[in-house]
Protein backbone atom coordinates (compact mmCIF):
# COMPACT_ATOMS: atom_id res chain seq x y z
CA UNK A 1 -61.20 17.12 -27.60
CA UNK A 2 -57.69 17.27 -29.05
CA UNK A 3 -56.28 14.40 -31.10
CA UNK A 4 -54.13 11.97 -29.13
CA UNK A 5 -51.57 11.59 -31.95
CA UNK A 6 -49.91 14.04 -34.29
CA UNK A 7 -48.01 12.90 -37.36
CA UNK A 8 -44.40 14.07 -37.69
CA UNK A 9 -43.63 15.51 -41.11
CA UNK A 10 -40.25 15.05 -42.86
CA UNK A 11 -39.23 18.59 -41.92
CA UNK A 12 -39.83 17.71 -38.26
CA UNK A 13 -37.00 15.13 -38.23
CA UNK A 14 -33.26 15.84 -38.46
CA UNK A 15 -30.13 13.72 -38.00
CA UNK A 16 -26.70 14.72 -36.68
CA UNK A 17 -23.30 13.03 -36.25
CA UNK A 18 -20.95 14.09 -33.45
CA UNK A 19 -17.41 12.84 -32.79
CA UNK A 20 -16.35 12.81 -29.14
CA UNK A 21 -12.65 12.45 -28.26
CA UNK A 22 -10.97 11.33 -25.05
CA UNK A 23 -7.24 11.51 -24.25
CA UNK A 24 -5.71 8.12 -23.35
CA UNK A 25 -2.29 8.11 -21.63
CA UNK A 26 -0.43 4.83 -21.01
CA UNK A 27 2.68 5.30 -18.91
CA UNK A 28 5.73 3.10 -18.94
CA UNK A 29 5.14 2.08 -15.32
CA UNK A 30 1.89 0.36 -16.31
CA UNK A 31 3.39 -1.32 -19.38
CA UNK A 32 6.53 -2.51 -17.60
CA UNK A 33 4.59 -3.76 -14.59
CA UNK A 34 6.62 -1.74 -12.09
CA UNK A 35 3.42 0.00 -10.95
CA UNK A 36 1.91 -3.29 -9.74
CA UNK A 37 4.97 -5.55 -9.36
CA UNK A 38 4.11 -7.38 -12.60
CA UNK A 39 0.71 -8.46 -11.28
CA UNK A 40 -0.96 -6.60 -14.13
CA UNK A 41 0.95 -8.60 -16.78
CA UNK A 42 -0.81 -11.79 -17.85
CA UNK A 43 0.98 -14.51 -19.78
CA UNK A 44 -0.61 -17.60 -21.27
CA UNK A 45 0.36 -21.24 -21.62
CA UNK A 46 0.13 -21.02 -25.41
CA UNK A 47 2.78 -18.26 -25.34
CA UNK A 48 1.41 -16.42 -28.38
CA UNK A 49 0.80 -13.02 -26.82
CA UNK A 50 0.96 -11.11 -23.56
CA UNK A 51 -1.86 -9.04 -22.03
CA UNK A 52 -1.47 -5.86 -19.98
CA UNK A 53 -4.05 -4.58 -17.51
CA UNK A 54 -4.21 -1.30 -15.64
CA UNK A 55 -4.43 -3.12 -12.30
CA UNK A 56 -3.65 -6.65 -11.06
CA UNK A 57 -5.51 -8.78 -13.58
CA UNK A 58 -7.00 -11.05 -10.89
CA UNK A 59 -8.81 -8.04 -9.46
CA UNK A 60 -12.43 -7.48 -10.47
CA UNK A 61 -11.64 -3.78 -11.04
CA UNK A 62 -8.87 -4.47 -13.57
CA UNK A 63 -9.33 -3.22 -17.13
CA UNK A 64 -7.69 -4.80 -20.15
CA UNK A 65 -5.36 -2.27 -21.81
CA UNK A 66 -3.59 -3.98 -24.72
CA UNK A 67 -2.00 -7.17 -26.02
CA UNK A 68 1.57 -7.48 -27.34
CA UNK A 69 2.79 -10.09 -29.76
CA UNK A 70 5.26 -10.40 -32.63
CA UNK A 71 5.81 -12.28 -35.85
CA UNK A 72 7.95 -12.56 -38.93
CA UNK A 73 7.64 -13.84 -42.49
CA UNK A 74 8.61 -17.35 -43.42
CA UNK A 75 11.57 -15.89 -45.34
CA UNK A 76 12.91 -14.48 -42.06
CA UNK A 77 12.75 -17.79 -40.21
CA UNK A 78 15.99 -19.56 -39.35
CA UNK A 79 16.34 -23.28 -38.73
CA UNK A 80 16.31 -23.86 -34.99
CA UNK A 81 14.26 -20.76 -34.15
CA UNK A 82 12.18 -20.98 -30.99
CA UNK A 83 8.40 -20.89 -31.72
CA UNK A 84 9.18 -20.34 -35.38
CA UNK A 85 5.86 -21.72 -36.67
CA UNK A 86 3.87 -19.59 -34.21
CA UNK A 87 5.77 -16.44 -35.17
CA UNK A 88 5.14 -17.06 -38.87
CA UNK A 89 1.48 -17.91 -38.27
CA UNK A 90 0.93 -14.74 -36.23
CA UNK A 91 2.45 -12.60 -38.96
CA UNK A 92 0.35 -14.26 -41.65
CA UNK A 93 -2.83 -14.06 -39.60
CA UNK A 94 -2.43 -10.35 -38.88
CA UNK A 95 -1.45 -9.63 -42.49
CA UNK A 96 -4.50 -11.54 -43.73
CA UNK A 97 -6.78 -9.44 -41.50
CA UNK A 98 -5.17 -6.06 -42.13
CA UNK A 99 -3.82 -6.36 -45.70
CA UNK A 100 -5.21 -7.12 -49.10
CA UNK A 101 -4.34 -10.41 -50.76
CA UNK A 102 -1.55 -10.28 -53.31
CA UNK A 103 -2.29 -10.69 -57.01
CA UNK A 104 -1.10 -14.29 -56.81
CA UNK A 105 -3.63 -15.07 -54.07
CA UNK A 106 -1.11 -15.24 -51.22
CA UNK A 107 -0.93 -13.19 -48.06
CA UNK A 108 0.53 -9.73 -48.69
CA UNK A 109 3.33 -8.73 -46.32
CA UNK A 110 3.28 -5.44 -44.45
CA UNK A 111 5.18 -2.83 -46.45
CA UNK A 112 6.50 0.48 -45.25
CA UNK A 113 4.74 2.79 -47.67
CA UNK A 114 1.36 1.04 -47.54
CA UNK A 115 1.09 0.79 -51.33
CA UNK A 116 0.18 -2.93 -51.23
CA UNK A 117 2.29 -3.56 -54.34
CA UNK A 118 4.32 -6.62 -55.33
CA UNK A 119 7.63 -4.95 -54.45
CA UNK A 120 9.10 -6.90 -51.53
CA UNK A 121 12.11 -4.63 -51.04
CA UNK A 122 10.17 -2.36 -48.65
CA UNK A 123 8.38 -5.14 -46.76
CA UNK A 124 8.50 -5.10 -42.96
CA UNK A 125 9.35 -8.75 -42.38
CA UNK A 126 9.93 -8.66 -38.63
CA UNK A 127 7.30 -6.74 -36.69
CA UNK A 128 5.55 -6.54 -33.36
CA UNK A 129 1.89 -5.81 -32.76
CA UNK A 130 0.19 -3.62 -30.18
CA UNK A 131 -3.50 -4.46 -30.06
CA UNK A 132 -5.36 -1.92 -27.93
CA UNK A 133 -8.53 -2.85 -26.07
CA UNK A 134 -11.85 -1.56 -27.40
CA UNK A 135 -12.39 -0.02 -23.96
CA UNK A 136 -9.63 2.46 -24.83
CA UNK A 137 -10.05 3.01 -28.56
CA UNK A 138 -13.89 3.09 -28.58
CA UNK A 139 -14.98 3.44 -32.23
CA UNK A 140 -11.52 4.35 -33.51
CA UNK A 141 -8.25 6.11 -32.72
CA UNK A 142 -8.25 9.76 -33.75
CA UNK A 143 -5.95 10.39 -36.69
CA UNK A 144 -2.71 12.27 -36.00
CA UNK A 145 -3.02 11.74 -32.25
CA UNK A 146 -0.92 8.60 -31.71
CA UNK A 147 2.49 9.07 -30.10
CA UNK A 148 4.79 6.35 -28.75
CA UNK A 149 8.02 7.13 -26.89
CA UNK A 150 10.55 4.32 -26.56
CA UNK A 151 14.17 3.51 -25.81
CA UNK A 152 16.09 1.93 -28.67
CA UNK A 153 18.37 -0.05 -26.39
CA UNK A 154 18.67 -1.14 -22.81
CA UNK A 155 22.36 -0.16 -23.02
CA UNK A 156 21.92 3.26 -24.67
CA UNK A 157 24.18 6.03 -23.39
CA UNK A 158 22.81 8.28 -20.69
CA UNK A 159 21.83 11.83 -21.50
CA UNK A 160 23.20 14.83 -19.64
CA UNK A 161 20.30 14.61 -17.21
CA UNK A 162 21.30 11.08 -16.23
CA UNK A 163 18.40 9.38 -18.04
CA UNK A 164 18.14 7.36 -21.22
CA UNK A 165 17.12 9.40 -24.23
CA UNK A 166 13.73 8.30 -25.64
CA UNK A 167 12.67 8.49 -29.27
CA UNK A 168 9.12 9.23 -30.39
CA UNK A 169 7.13 7.86 -33.30
CA UNK A 170 3.64 8.89 -34.38
CA UNK A 171 1.13 9.04 -37.22
CA UNK A 172 2.22 12.55 -38.16
CA UNK A 173 0.03 14.19 -40.80
CA UNK A 174 -2.42 11.29 -40.87
CA UNK A 175 -5.40 13.59 -40.37
CA UNK A 176 -5.04 14.66 -44.01
CA UNK A 177 -2.89 11.84 -45.42
CA UNK A 178 -3.96 8.32 -44.53
CA UNK A 179 -4.52 5.02 -46.35
CA UNK A 180 -7.86 3.45 -47.22
CA UNK A 181 -6.73 0.31 -49.06
CA UNK A 182 -7.06 -2.04 -46.09
CA UNK A 183 -10.05 -4.34 -45.54
CA UNK A 184 -9.83 -3.40 -41.86
CA UNK A 185 -10.52 0.31 -42.48
CA UNK A 186 -8.34 3.41 -42.46
CA UNK A 187 -4.72 3.32 -41.35
CA UNK A 188 -1.88 5.79 -41.06
CA UNK A 189 1.86 5.44 -41.49
CA UNK A 190 4.07 5.79 -38.42
CA UNK A 191 7.16 7.97 -38.62
CA UNK A 192 9.93 9.05 -36.32
CA UNK A 193 9.68 12.53 -34.85
CA UNK A 194 13.42 13.04 -35.29
CA UNK A 195 12.92 14.39 -38.82
CA UNK A 196 10.59 17.24 -39.88
CA UNK A 197 9.76 15.51 -43.19
CA UNK A 198 7.80 12.28 -42.52
CA UNK A 199 8.00 10.00 -45.53
CA UNK A 200 11.16 11.58 -46.85
CA UNK A 201 14.30 9.71 -47.78
CA UNK A 202 15.73 10.27 -44.31
CA UNK A 203 12.53 9.35 -42.49
CA UNK A 204 10.70 6.38 -44.04
CA UNK A 205 7.67 4.78 -42.46
CA UNK A 206 8.42 2.36 -39.64
CA UNK A 207 4.93 0.99 -39.08
CA UNK A 208 1.17 1.21 -39.56
CA UNK A 209 -1.61 2.25 -37.23
CA UNK A 210 -5.06 0.81 -38.01
CA UNK A 211 -7.58 3.23 -36.56
CA UNK A 212 -10.81 1.24 -36.45
CA UNK A 213 -9.24 -2.02 -35.26
CA UNK A 214 -6.89 -0.28 -32.80
CA UNK A 215 -3.78 -2.20 -33.90
CA UNK A 216 -0.27 -0.80 -34.34
CA UNK A 217 2.17 -2.75 -36.52
CA UNK A 218 5.77 -1.61 -35.97
CA UNK A 219 8.99 -2.95 -37.44
CA UNK A 220 11.34 -4.55 -34.92
CA UNK A 221 14.25 -2.68 -36.50
CA UNK A 222 13.50 0.38 -34.34
CA UNK A 223 15.41 -1.38 -31.55
CA UNK A 224 19.15 -1.82 -31.38
CA UNK A 225 21.69 -3.08 -28.89
CA UNK A 226 20.68 -4.94 -25.74
CA UNK A 227 16.98 -5.79 -25.69
CA UNK A 228 14.83 -7.16 -22.89
CA UNK A 229 13.88 -6.56 -19.27
CA UNK A 230 16.69 -5.18 -17.09
CA UNK A 231 17.34 -8.53 -15.48
CA UNK A 232 20.46 -10.66 -16.01
CA UNK A 233 18.32 -13.79 -15.95
CA UNK A 234 16.10 -12.77 -18.87
CA UNK A 235 18.18 -10.32 -20.91
CA UNK A 236 18.91 -12.27 -24.09
CA UNK A 237 20.95 -9.73 -25.97
CA UNK A 238 20.15 -7.85 -29.17
CA UNK A 239 16.72 -7.66 -30.75
CA UNK A 240 17.66 -10.10 -33.54
CA UNK A 241 18.75 -12.65 -30.98
CA UNK A 242 15.44 -12.34 -29.15
CA UNK A 243 13.52 -12.55 -32.43
CA UNK A 244 14.99 -15.93 -33.25
CA UNK A 245 16.29 -17.44 -30.00
CA UNK A 246 13.70 -15.99 -27.63
CA UNK A 247 10.05 -16.77 -27.08
CA UNK A 248 7.21 -14.45 -28.05
CA UNK A 249 6.67 -13.71 -24.36
CA UNK A 250 10.32 -12.73 -23.93
CA UNK A 251 10.08 -10.42 -26.93
CA UNK A 252 6.88 -8.88 -25.53
CA UNK A 253 8.69 -8.31 -22.23
CA UNK A 254 11.43 -6.47 -24.09
CA UNK A 255 8.89 -4.26 -25.87
CA UNK A 256 7.16 -3.44 -22.57
CA UNK A 257 10.36 -2.30 -20.91
CA UNK A 258 11.47 -0.35 -23.99
CA UNK A 259 8.28 1.75 -24.15
CA UNK A 260 8.39 4.97 -22.17
CA UNK A 261 4.90 6.29 -22.91
CA UNK A 262 1.93 5.85 -25.26
CA UNK A 263 -0.76 8.44 -25.79
CA UNK A 264 -3.60 8.91 -28.25
CA UNK A 265 -7.14 10.23 -28.48
CA UNK A 266 -9.99 7.82 -29.01
CA UNK A 267 -13.19 8.59 -30.90
CA UNK A 268 -16.80 7.89 -30.04
CA UNK A 269 -19.25 8.43 -32.89
CA UNK A 270 -22.54 9.70 -31.54
CA UNK A 271 -25.42 9.57 -34.03
CA UNK A 272 -28.58 11.44 -33.11
CA UNK A 273 -32.07 11.75 -34.51
CA UNK A 274 -33.83 14.94 -33.49
CA UNK A 275 -37.63 15.19 -33.51
CA UNK A 276 -39.24 18.62 -33.39
CA UNK A 277 -42.58 18.01 -31.71
CA UNK A 278 -44.67 21.08 -32.43
CA UNK A 279 -47.82 21.93 -30.51
CA UNK A 280 -49.49 24.72 -32.45
CA UNK A 281 -52.00 27.12 -30.91
CA UNK A 282 -54.92 24.79 -31.70
CA UNK A 283 -53.16 21.59 -30.57
CA UNK A 284 -53.22 19.82 -27.20
CA UNK A 285 -55.19 22.49 -25.35
CA UNK A 286 -57.43 19.84 -23.81
CA UNK A 287 -56.60 16.75 -21.85
CA UNK A 288 -57.63 13.41 -23.31
CA UNK A 289 -58.68 12.38 -19.81
CA UNK A 290 -62.51 12.19 -19.82
CA UNK A 291 -62.70 13.72 -16.34
CA UNK A 292 -61.21 16.93 -17.72
CA UNK A 293 -64.66 18.55 -18.27
CA UNK A 294 -66.80 16.38 -15.97
CA UNK A 295 -68.88 18.49 -13.59
CA UNK A 296 -68.36 18.06 -9.89
CA UNK A 297 -64.78 16.98 -10.15
CA UNK A 298 -62.29 18.32 -7.63
CA UNK A 299 -59.41 18.60 -10.09
CA UNK A 300 -58.04 22.09 -9.64
CA UNK A 301 -57.19 22.69 -13.31
CA UNK A 302 -60.86 22.70 -14.33
CA UNK A 303 -63.37 25.51 -14.04
CA UNK A 304 -66.72 26.61 -15.39
CA UNK A 305 -65.07 28.31 -18.37
CA UNK A 306 -62.71 25.51 -19.44
CA UNK A 307 -64.53 24.89 -22.73
CA UNK A 308 -64.28 28.55 -23.70
CA UNK A 309 -60.74 29.06 -22.42
CA UNK A 310 -59.06 25.62 -22.30
CA UNK A 311 -55.74 25.12 -20.51
CA UNK A 312 -53.58 22.03 -20.34
CA UNK A 313 -50.09 21.21 -19.07
CA UNK A 314 -47.63 19.25 -21.20
CA UNK A 315 -45.47 16.80 -19.22
CA UNK A 316 -44.62 13.94 -21.60
CA UNK A 317 -43.82 13.32 -25.26
CA UNK A 318 -44.40 9.85 -26.68
CA UNK A 319 -42.88 8.74 -29.98
CA UNK A 320 -44.98 6.10 -31.72
CA UNK A 321 -44.44 3.79 -34.66
CA UNK A 322 -46.75 3.93 -37.72
CA UNK A 323 -48.73 1.16 -35.98
CA UNK A 324 -49.25 3.41 -32.95
CA UNK A 325 -46.87 1.36 -30.78
CA UNK A 326 -45.06 3.43 -28.15
CA UNK A 327 -41.32 3.39 -28.96
CA UNK A 328 -39.83 6.10 -26.73
CA UNK A 329 -40.90 8.47 -23.97
CA UNK A 330 -39.46 11.89 -23.12
CA UNK A 331 -40.23 13.87 -19.98
CA UNK A 332 -40.00 17.64 -19.61
CA UNK A 333 -38.30 19.10 -16.54
CA UNK A 334 -41.51 20.85 -15.43
CA UNK A 335 -45.09 21.00 -16.76
CA UNK A 336 -45.51 23.47 -19.64
CA UNK A 337 -48.73 25.47 -19.76
CA UNK A 338 -50.52 25.18 -23.10
CA UNK A 339 -53.48 27.25 -24.28
CA UNK A 340 -54.82 28.63 -27.59
CA UNK A 341 -52.73 31.74 -27.03
CA UNK A 342 -49.33 30.06 -27.29
CA UNK A 343 -47.37 27.46 -29.25
CA UNK A 344 -44.70 25.07 -27.97
CA UNK A 345 -41.93 23.18 -29.83
CA UNK A 346 -40.23 20.37 -27.93
CA UNK A 347 -36.89 19.12 -29.26
CA UNK A 348 -36.53 15.38 -28.57
CA UNK A 349 -33.14 13.79 -29.29
CA UNK A 350 -32.43 10.07 -29.56
CA UNK A 351 -28.74 9.11 -29.36
CA UNK A 352 -27.34 5.82 -30.64
């Protein structure tokens, strides 16, 4: 009889790592709520952020897309600001998660160049945050795939085609030039597409994109002029006025209506262990079933010459632990004939 178990040698096991990417488009109609008459926009009593869904959020088929919030440093606060303490706390909380601590042990502000130095002249002190759902980003956002088109002002002049002219920002060149000095993982600098030299004197960074956490931090200075939803009841004026005299929800509404389109590729990391299960010419030619060679049986596979010319059919591979505990089972698509005249190698892959 053949042995029931066969030990896998080190050369019989291999590991692979595969990155799968999926394109994610988010149109302005979803972000602004015009697609679902605002029923996909969820606000909260605490007023600290706003959530966007791809469908009315009360529906069981709705998927969470992203959250929008904003914050500024305590140095940017003005006496009489609405929700001033919340705006400062949000900024500090996000900076504590995404930045290193400063040398003095305080929270380090977001800076444009991502150097994490003590120079405060390039700090982004008034920012908004786009926190994308894990459903969209999966393991991380693919570097150099993030693009965001937006309108700088609700009162911008019309283009020749009769539409507002959108600007685009993205993590250009981040596939080969990204930062690793964040406790939250890798991040890239966001630049405007209006200049061919990202990072140059005429095109400094205007934000950060944290790939593993799926969070974009963008300076509020990208907006100018009138800012807010196109409604006389809620349009508060310029972005600075909304920053200080508006609520976080009102600022998030302005961001939603200013965005024309967001697109990026997500990444799913697929790790695999491959086992090469080899049945050599002398292996597994007999069944371990005791009726395999019992006389008088009606099993078709047997015959008078089975001991001299054994034949078996492989249907299943079982992977066992060192204690002979069954850990995984693989089935072949159809039985494979095995005899002393042939050898079979089955490639079993476990993904995780």
